[in-house]
Amino acid sequence: MAEYREALFGQDLLLFRYHSLALARLPAEEYVGASPLGAALSALMSQEKTRDRALRKASMLELVVGSGLDEALKYLLINVIETYFQLSGEDAERYRRLVSRKEYRAVQEVELTWADKLIEKGREEGRVEGREAGVVEGMRRMLLKQLTAKFGELSDKITERVRSMSEVELESVLDRVLTTATLDELDLGD
């Protein structure tokens, strides 16, 4: 049994006792066919190197997909398998050939859905990064415009300095630009 404690001034504020299980030490083959949960957790367990990993992954997914669990639980278990039981090289190629068979039609649908979700996640991350980059670029343009309007033409050194500023630096200078009397007060390095 393990414990987690939080104490303040020598007094226990929190004491949590729990049992832990080292999944990595358990043999996966004993659990992979036991239940949908066993199949998903077997992705975290010790894998024999000589076993057919492609067939193991297909079997794990087939058990979860064919279970009577609701879609949210299936998604959670599939996520565990896809995250922790990744195949590469020959295993990945064998897996693709294996699940292309008609008896793995349900697994094919899961793989397509999973791929679509990964693509959409990548697109969303790209949109967020693009928006953030656009905001920072807009801040740079605004600062350069304000500096030019207030102090006249800027040196190349100051223009380059503004173009290399982080979002936090830009916010700081933008907050001060209207209240400063000279360009030197902004400490832009000219």
Protein backbone atom coordinates (compact mmCIF):
# COMPACT_ATOMS: atom_id res chain seq x y z
CA MET A 1 0.00 0.00 0.00
CA ALA A 2 1.25 3.48 -0.86
CA GLU A 3 0.52 6.82 0.80
CA TYR A 4 0.32 10.42 -0.29
CA ARG A 5 0.57 13.11 2.39
CA GLU A 6 0.16 16.84 2.49
CA ALA A 7 1.23 18.49 5.74
CA LEU A 8 1.46 22.02 7.04
CA PHE A 9 3.33 22.97 10.21
CA GLY A 10 3.75 19.32 11.11
CA GLN A 11 0.03 18.55 10.88
CA ASP A 12 -1.37 16.18 8.25
CA LEU A 13 -3.85 18.01 6.09
CA LEU A 14 -4.35 15.16 3.69
CA LEU A 15 -3.54 11.49 3.93
CA PHE A 16 -4.44 9.29 1.00
CA ARG A 17 -3.73 5.56 1.06
CA TYR A 18 -3.98 3.58 -2.12
CA HIS A 19 -2.94 0.37 -3.80
CA SER A 20 -0.92 0.52 -6.96
CA LEU A 21 -0.51 -2.04 -9.66
CA ALA A 22 2.54 -2.18 -11.90
CA LEU A 23 0.84 -2.92 -15.22
CA ALA A 24 4.15 -2.93 -17.07
CA ARG A 25 5.20 -6.05 -15.16
CA LEU A 26 2.06 -8.07 -15.96
CA PRO A 27 2.01 -10.39 -19.01
CA ALA A 28 -0.39 -8.89 -21.57
CA GLU A 29 -1.39 -12.22 -23.10
CA GLU A 30 -3.25 -13.17 -19.92
CA TYR A 31 -5.50 -10.10 -20.12
CA VAL A 32 -5.85 -9.22 -23.79
CA GLY A 33 -8.89 -11.45 -24.34
CA ALA A 34 -10.40 -11.21 -20.87
CA SER A 35 -12.62 -8.16 -21.38
CA PRO A 36 -12.66 -4.84 -23.23
CA LEU A 37 -10.95 -3.23 -20.24
CA GLY A 38 -8.38 -6.03 -20.11
CA ALA A 39 -7.72 -5.57 -23.84
CA ALA A 40 -7.11 -1.84 -23.43
CA LEU A 41 -4.97 -2.20 -20.31
CA SER A 42 -2.91 -4.94 -21.97
CA ALA A 43 -1.51 -2.15 -24.16
CA LEU A 44 0.28 -0.98 -21.01
CA MET A 45 1.53 -4.42 -20.01
CA SER A 46 4.65 -6.39 -20.85
CA GLN A 47 4.62 -7.56 -24.47
CA GLU A 48 6.53 -10.59 -25.66
CA LYS A 49 8.74 -9.57 -28.58
CA THR A 50 8.18 -12.85 -30.44
CA ARG A 51 4.39 -12.57 -30.53
CA ASP A 52 2.52 -11.13 -33.52
CA ARG A 53 2.02 -7.52 -32.44
CA ALA A 54 -0.17 -6.72 -35.46
CA LEU A 55 -2.58 -9.52 -34.62
CA ARG A 56 -2.51 -8.52 -30.94
CA LYS A 57 -3.54 -4.94 -31.75
CA ALA A 58 -6.27 -6.06 -34.13
CA SER A 59 -7.60 -8.47 -31.48
CA MET A 60 -7.54 -5.79 -28.80
CA LEU A 61 -9.47 -3.33 -30.96
CA GLU A 62 -11.89 -6.01 -32.16
CA LEU A 63 -12.76 -6.94 -28.56
CA VAL A 64 -13.40 -3.31 -27.60
CA VAL A 65 -15.35 -2.46 -30.78
CA GLY A 66 -17.49 -5.59 -30.52
CA SER A 67 -18.30 -5.05 -26.85
CA GLY A 68 -21.65 -3.79 -25.66
CA LEU A 69 -20.09 -0.71 -24.11
CA ASP A 70 -21.43 2.74 -24.93
CA GLU A 71 -19.56 4.86 -27.46
CA ALA A 72 -17.84 7.04 -24.84
CA LEU A 73 -16.31 4.04 -23.05
CA LYS A 74 -15.31 2.45 -26.35
CA TYR A 75 -13.62 5.68 -27.38
CA LEU A 76 -11.74 5.84 -24.08
CA LEU A 77 -10.47 2.25 -24.39
CA ILE A 78 -9.59 2.66 -28.07
CA ASN A 79 -7.67 5.81 -27.13
CA VAL A 80 -5.60 3.81 -24.62
CA ILE A 81 -4.82 1.15 -27.23
CA GLU A 82 -3.98 3.64 -29.98
CA THR A 83 -1.82 5.74 -27.67
CA TYR A 84 0.15 3.02 -25.89
CA PHE A 85 0.27 0.20 -28.43
CA GLN A 86 1.78 1.82 -31.46
CA LEU A 87 3.25 -0.24 -34.27
CA SER A 88 6.04 0.66 -36.61
CA GLY A 89 7.88 -0.83 -39.55
CA GLU A 90 6.92 -4.35 -40.51
CA ASP A 91 4.42 -4.63 -37.64
CA ALA A 92 2.54 -1.54 -38.86
CA GLU A 93 2.48 -2.83 -42.44
CA ARG A 94 1.27 -6.26 -41.33
CA TYR A 95 -1.43 -4.61 -39.20
CA ARG A 96 -2.68 -2.56 -42.19
CA ARG A 97 -2.88 -5.73 -44.32
CA LEU A 98 -4.57 -7.66 -41.52
CA VAL A 99 -7.32 -5.14 -40.79
CA SER A 100 -8.02 -4.68 -44.50
CA ARG A 101 -9.72 -8.11 -44.45
CA LYS A 102 -13.52 -8.17 -44.35
CA GLU A 103 -13.64 -9.91 -40.93
CA TYR A 104 -12.07 -6.75 -39.45
CA ARG A 105 -14.67 -4.37 -40.95
CA ALA A 106 -15.57 -2.94 -37.51
CA VAL A 107 -11.88 -2.30 -36.75
CA GLN A 108 -11.52 -0.62 -40.18
CA GLU A 109 -14.31 1.79 -39.26
CA VAL A 110 -12.62 2.57 -35.95
CA GLU A 111 -9.31 3.16 -37.69
CA LEU A 112 -10.96 5.55 -40.17
CA THR A 113 -12.77 7.40 -37.38
CA TRP A 114 -9.55 7.57 -35.36
CA ALA A 115 -7.61 8.90 -38.34
CA ASP A 116 -10.32 11.52 -38.98
CA LYS A 117 -10.15 12.65 -35.35
CA LEU A 118 -6.35 12.94 -35.48
CA ILE A 119 -6.57 14.94 -38.71
CA GLU A 120 -9.21 17.24 -37.20
CA LYS A 121 -7.13 17.68 -34.05
CA GLY A 122 -4.13 18.65 -36.18
CA ARG A 123 -6.26 21.10 -38.15
CA GLU A 124 -7.60 22.69 -34.97
CA GLU A 125 -4.09 23.01 -33.51
CA GLY A 126 -3.01 24.62 -36.77
CA ARG A 127 -5.94 27.05 -36.65
CA VAL A 128 -5.11 28.02 -33.06
CA GLU A 129 -1.43 28.49 -33.89
CA GLY A 130 -2.39 30.50 -36.96
CA ARG A 131 -4.73 32.74 -34.97
CA GLU A 132 -2.07 33.26 -32.31
CA ALA A 133 0.57 34.06 -34.93
CA GLY A 134 -1.87 36.47 -36.60
CA VAL A 135 -2.55 38.26 -33.32
CA VAL A 136 1.15 38.67 -32.56
CA GLU A 137 1.84 39.90 -36.10
CA GLY A 138 -1.01 42.39 -35.74
CA MET A 139 0.50 43.62 -32.47
CA ARG A 140 3.84 44.13 -34.22
CA ARG A 141 2.24 46.12 -37.02
CA MET A 142 0.28 48.22 -34.51
CA LEU A 143 3.40 48.99 -32.46
CA LEU A 144 5.41 49.96 -35.53
CA LYS A 145 2.54 52.19 -36.67
CA GLN A 146 2.26 53.88 -33.26
CA LEU A 147 6.02 54.36 -32.93
CA THR A 148 6.25 55.89 -36.41
CA ALA A 149 3.28 58.19 -35.77
CA LYS A 150 4.70 59.39 -32.47
CA PHE A 151 8.45 59.50 -33.13
CA GLY A 152 8.82 59.67 -36.93
CA GLU A 153 10.75 57.29 -39.14
CA LEU A 154 12.30 54.37 -37.22
CA SER A 155 15.81 53.01 -37.60
CA ASP A 156 16.29 49.54 -39.06
CA LYS A 157 17.57 48.41 -35.67
CA ILE A 158 14.35 49.39 -33.88
CA THR A 159 12.18 47.92 -36.64
CA GLU A 160 14.09 44.64 -36.41
CA ARG A 161 13.84 44.66 -32.61
CA VAL A 162 10.03 45.06 -32.79
CA ARG A 163 9.81 42.23 -35.34
CA SER A 164 11.71 39.90 -32.96
CA MET A 165 9.66 40.68 -29.83
CA SER A 166 7.55 38.09 -28.08
CA GLU A 167 3.86 38.63 -27.39
CA VAL A 168 4.59 39.58 -23.77
CA GLU A 169 7.24 42.13 -24.81
CA LEU A 170 4.90 43.60 -27.42
CA GLU A 171 2.11 43.99 -24.84
CA SER A 172 4.48 45.74 -22.46
CA VAL A 173 5.69 48.27 -25.04
CA LEU A 174 2.18 48.81 -26.44
CA ASP A 175 0.99 49.62 -22.90
CA ARG A 176 3.71 52.28 -22.54
CA VAL A 177 4.07 53.76 -26.02
CA LEU A 178 1.34 56.39 -25.68
CA THR A 179 2.56 57.65 -22.31
CA THR A 180 6.30 57.94 -23.05
CA ALA A 181 7.91 61.19 -24.10
CA THR A 182 10.93 59.73 -25.92
CA LEU A 183 11.83 56.64 -27.84
CA ASP A 184 14.69 55.98 -25.39
CA GLU A 185 12.20 55.44 -22.54
CA LEU A 186 10.92 52.33 -24.32
CA ASP A 187 14.42 50.77 -24.29
CA LEU A 188 14.21 49.30 -27.78
CA GLY A 189 17.96 49.23 -28.22
CA ASP A 190 18.65 52.20 -30.50
